[in-house]
Amino acid sequence: MIYGRKQIDSQTKKEWDYVACIYPEGNIDLNHNYLFNHEQIDTIFFTGYQDEEEVGFNKFLQGLEKDENEDC
């Protein structure tokens, strides 16, 4: 289950798109967190609750990603 975006690995300092935990257990501790990028997602089973703030924040993050790709 994804519960955070734009996460930095505390050991490697690498930025990842998402942090997730196992479901339904939830965020147990740092040893049970999973960091990954958008292109590693194969299937979305459920998107959860999305309000106007979430939709706006998602558009903002997509704009940041677009700007980062243009710099390459």
N, C-alpha and C. Protein backbone atom coordinates (compact mmCIF):
# COMPACT_ATOMS: atom_id res chain seq x y z
N MET A 1 0.85 -1.17 0.00
CA MET A 1 0.00 0.00 0.00
C MET A 1 0.90 1.24 0.00
N ILE A 2 0.71 2.11 -0.96
CA ILE A 2 1.50 3.34 -1.04
C ILE A 2 0.98 4.33 -0.02
N TYR A 3 1.90 4.90 0.76
CA TYR A 3 1.48 5.91 1.73
C TYR A 3 2.32 7.18 1.71
N GLY A 4 3.25 7.28 0.75
CA GLY A 4 4.04 8.50 0.64
C GLY A 4 4.66 8.64 -0.74
N ARG A 5 4.97 9.88 -1.09
CA ARG A 5 5.56 10.16 -2.39
C ARG A 5 6.82 11.01 -2.21
N LYS A 6 7.69 10.95 -3.23
CA LYS A 6 8.94 11.73 -3.23
C LYS A 6 9.70 11.49 -1.93
N GLN A 7 10.09 10.24 -1.73
CA GLN A 7 10.77 9.82 -0.50
C GLN A 7 12.27 9.69 -0.74
N ILE A 8 13.07 10.03 0.26
CA ILE A 8 14.52 9.90 0.17
C ILE A 8 14.96 8.77 1.10
N ASP A 9 15.70 7.82 0.53
CA ASP A 9 16.25 6.71 1.31
C ASP A 9 17.27 7.28 2.29
N SER A 10 17.09 7.03 3.56
CA SER A 10 17.97 7.61 4.59
C SER A 10 19.40 7.09 4.51
N GLN A 11 19.60 5.91 3.93
CA GLN A 11 20.95 5.34 3.83
C GLN A 11 21.66 5.79 2.55
N THR A 12 20.99 5.72 1.42
CA THR A 12 21.64 6.02 0.14
C THR A 12 21.43 7.46 -0.32
N LYS A 13 20.48 8.15 0.28
CA LYS A 13 20.09 9.52 -0.09
C LYS A 13 19.47 9.60 -1.48
N LYS A 14 19.12 8.46 -2.07
CA LYS A 14 18.47 8.42 -3.37
C LYS A 14 16.99 8.76 -3.20
N GLU A 15 16.45 9.55 -4.14
CA GLU A 15 15.03 9.89 -4.09
C GLU A 15 14.23 8.87 -4.90
N TRP A 16 13.13 8.43 -4.32
CA TRP A 16 12.23 7.47 -4.96
C TRP A 16 10.86 8.13 -5.12
N ASP A 17 10.08 7.66 -6.07
CA ASP A 17 8.74 8.21 -6.29
C ASP A 17 7.78 7.88 -5.16
N TYR A 18 7.88 6.66 -4.62
CA TYR A 18 6.90 6.20 -3.63
C TYR A 18 7.54 5.41 -2.49
N VAL A 19 6.85 5.41 -1.36
CA VAL A 19 7.15 4.50 -0.26
C VAL A 19 5.86 3.74 0.04
N ALA A 20 6.00 2.44 0.27
CA ALA A 20 4.84 1.60 0.51
C ALA A 20 5.11 0.65 1.67
N CYS A 21 4.04 0.03 2.15
CA CYS A 21 4.14 -0.97 3.21
C CYS A 21 3.22 -2.13 2.83
N ILE A 22 3.36 -3.22 3.54
CA ILE A 22 2.51 -4.37 3.27
C ILE A 22 1.09 -4.08 3.77
N TYR A 23 0.13 -4.65 3.08
CA TYR A 23 -1.28 -4.44 3.42
C TYR A 23 -1.88 -5.77 3.84
N PRO A 24 -2.62 -5.86 4.89
CA PRO A 24 -3.24 -4.80 5.67
C PRO A 24 -2.44 -4.40 6.92
N GLU A 25 -1.25 -4.96 7.09
CA GLU A 25 -0.49 -4.69 8.31
C GLU A 25 -0.16 -3.22 8.50
N GLY A 26 0.22 -2.53 7.44
CA GLY A 26 0.54 -1.11 7.54
C GLY A 26 2.01 -0.86 7.82
N ASN A 27 2.33 0.37 8.18
CA ASN A 27 3.71 0.79 8.42
C ASN A 27 4.19 0.24 9.77
N ILE A 28 4.92 -0.86 9.73
CA ILE A 28 5.39 -1.53 10.95
C ILE A 28 6.66 -0.88 11.46
N ASP A 29 7.68 -0.81 10.60
CA ASP A 29 8.95 -0.16 10.92
C ASP A 29 9.74 0.03 9.63
N LEU A 30 10.93 0.64 9.72
CA LEU A 30 11.72 0.94 8.52
C LEU A 30 12.12 -0.31 7.73
N ASN A 31 12.21 -1.45 8.39
CA ASN A 31 12.58 -2.69 7.71
C ASN A 31 11.45 -3.25 6.85
N HIS A 32 10.27 -2.70 6.98
CA HIS A 32 9.12 -3.17 6.22
C HIS A 32 8.58 -2.10 5.27
N ASN A 33 9.42 -1.12 4.92
CA ASN A 33 9.07 -0.11 3.93
C ASN A 33 9.66 -0.51 2.59
N TYR A 34 8.98 -0.16 1.52
CA TYR A 34 9.43 -0.49 0.18
C TYR A 34 9.45 0.77 -0.66
N LEU A 35 10.62 1.10 -1.21
CA LEU A 35 10.79 2.28 -2.05
C LEU A 35 10.85 1.86 -3.50
N PHE A 36 10.13 2.60 -4.37
CA PHE A 36 10.13 2.24 -5.79
C PHE A 36 9.69 3.45 -6.62
N ASN A 37 9.86 3.33 -7.92
CA ASN A 37 9.52 4.40 -8.85
C ASN A 37 8.27 4.05 -9.66
N HIS A 38 7.69 5.07 -10.26
CA HIS A 38 6.42 4.93 -10.98
C HIS A 38 6.48 3.84 -12.05
N GLU A 39 7.57 3.76 -12.79
CA GLU A 39 7.66 2.79 -13.88
C GLU A 39 7.70 1.34 -13.39
N GLN A 40 7.86 1.13 -12.11
CA GLN A 40 7.88 -0.22 -11.55
C GLN A 40 6.48 -0.72 -11.18
N ILE A 41 5.47 0.10 -11.34
CA ILE A 41 4.09 -0.28 -11.02
C ILE A 41 3.48 -0.99 -12.22
N ASP A 42 3.00 -2.21 -12.00
CA ASP A 42 2.33 -2.96 -13.06
C ASP A 42 0.81 -2.80 -13.02
N THR A 43 0.24 -2.86 -11.82
CA THR A 43 -1.21 -2.85 -11.67
C THR A 43 -1.60 -1.98 -10.49
N ILE A 44 -2.63 -1.17 -10.67
CA ILE A 44 -3.22 -0.41 -9.57
C ILE A 44 -4.54 -1.08 -9.23
N PHE A 45 -4.66 -1.58 -8.01
CA PHE A 45 -5.87 -2.29 -7.60
C PHE A 45 -6.93 -1.35 -7.05
N PHE A 46 -6.51 -0.29 -6.40
CA PHE A 46 -7.46 0.64 -5.79
C PHE A 46 -6.75 1.96 -5.58
N THR A 47 -7.39 3.07 -5.96
CA THR A 47 -6.73 4.37 -5.83
C THR A 47 -7.04 5.08 -4.52
N GLY A 48 -8.05 4.65 -3.82
CA GLY A 48 -8.38 5.28 -2.55
C GLY A 48 -9.08 6.61 -2.73
N TYR A 49 -9.28 7.30 -1.62
CA TYR A 49 -10.01 8.57 -1.61
C TYR A 49 -9.16 9.66 -2.25
N GLN A 50 -9.76 10.43 -3.14
CA GLN A 50 -9.08 11.56 -3.78
C GLN A 50 -10.01 12.77 -3.76
N ASP A 51 -9.55 13.83 -3.08
CA ASP A 51 -10.31 15.06 -3.08
C ASP A 51 -9.61 16.08 -3.99
N GLU A 52 -10.10 17.31 -4.02
CA GLU A 52 -9.53 18.33 -4.90
C GLU A 52 -8.07 18.61 -4.55
N GLU A 53 -7.75 18.59 -3.26
CA GLU A 53 -6.36 18.84 -2.84
C GLU A 53 -5.43 17.75 -3.37
N GLU A 54 -5.85 16.50 -3.29
CA GLU A 54 -5.05 15.38 -3.81
C GLU A 54 -4.85 15.49 -5.31
N VAL A 55 -5.91 15.80 -6.03
CA VAL A 55 -5.82 15.94 -7.49
C VAL A 55 -4.85 17.06 -7.85
N GLY A 56 -4.94 18.19 -7.16
CA GLY A 56 -4.03 19.31 -7.40
C GLY A 56 -2.59 18.97 -7.09
N PHE A 57 -2.36 18.27 -5.97
CA PHE A 57 -1.01 17.88 -5.58
C PHE A 57 -0.42 16.91 -6.58
N ASN A 58 -1.22 15.99 -7.07
CA ASN A 58 -0.76 15.04 -8.07
C ASN A 58 -0.35 15.76 -9.36
N LYS A 59 -1.12 16.75 -9.79
CA LYS A 59 -0.76 17.53 -10.98
C LYS A 59 0.54 18.29 -10.74
N PHE A 60 0.72 18.82 -9.54
CA PHE A 60 1.96 19.52 -9.18
C PHE A 60 3.15 18.57 -9.30
N LEU A 61 3.03 17.37 -8.75
CA LEU A 61 4.12 16.39 -8.82
C LEU A 61 4.42 15.98 -10.25
N GLN A 62 3.39 15.84 -11.08
CA GLN A 62 3.60 15.50 -12.48
C GLN A 62 4.35 16.61 -13.19
N GLY A 63 4.07 17.86 -12.84
CA GLY A 63 4.79 19.00 -13.41
C GLY A 63 6.25 18.99 -13.01
N LEU A 64 6.53 18.63 -11.75
CA LEU A 64 7.92 18.53 -11.30
C LEU A 64 8.66 17.45 -12.07
N GLU A 65 8.00 16.30 -12.26
CA GLU A 65 8.62 15.20 -12.99
C GLU A 65 8.90 15.61 -14.44
N LYS A 66 7.97 16.33 -15.06
CA LYS A 66 8.16 16.79 -16.43
C LYS A 66 9.36 17.72 -16.50
N ASP A 67 9.47 18.67 -15.54
CA ASP A 67 10.60 19.60 -15.52
C ASP A 67 11.92 18.87 -15.33
N GLU A 68 11.96 17.85 -14.47
CA GLU A 68 13.18 17.08 -14.24
C GLU A 68 13.60 16.34 -15.51
N ASN A 69 12.65 15.79 -16.24
CA ASN A 69 12.95 15.07 -17.48
C ASN A 69 13.44 16.00 -18.57
N GLU A 70 12.97 17.24 -18.61
CA GLU A 70 13.41 18.20 -19.61
C GLU A 70 14.85 18.64 -19.38
N ASP A 71 15.31 18.57 -18.12
CA ASP A 71 16.68 18.96 -17.79
C ASP A 71 17.70 17.95 -18.28
N CYS A 72 17.26 16.72 -18.58
CA CYS A 72 18.18 15.67 -19.00
C CYS A 72 18.65 15.84 -20.42
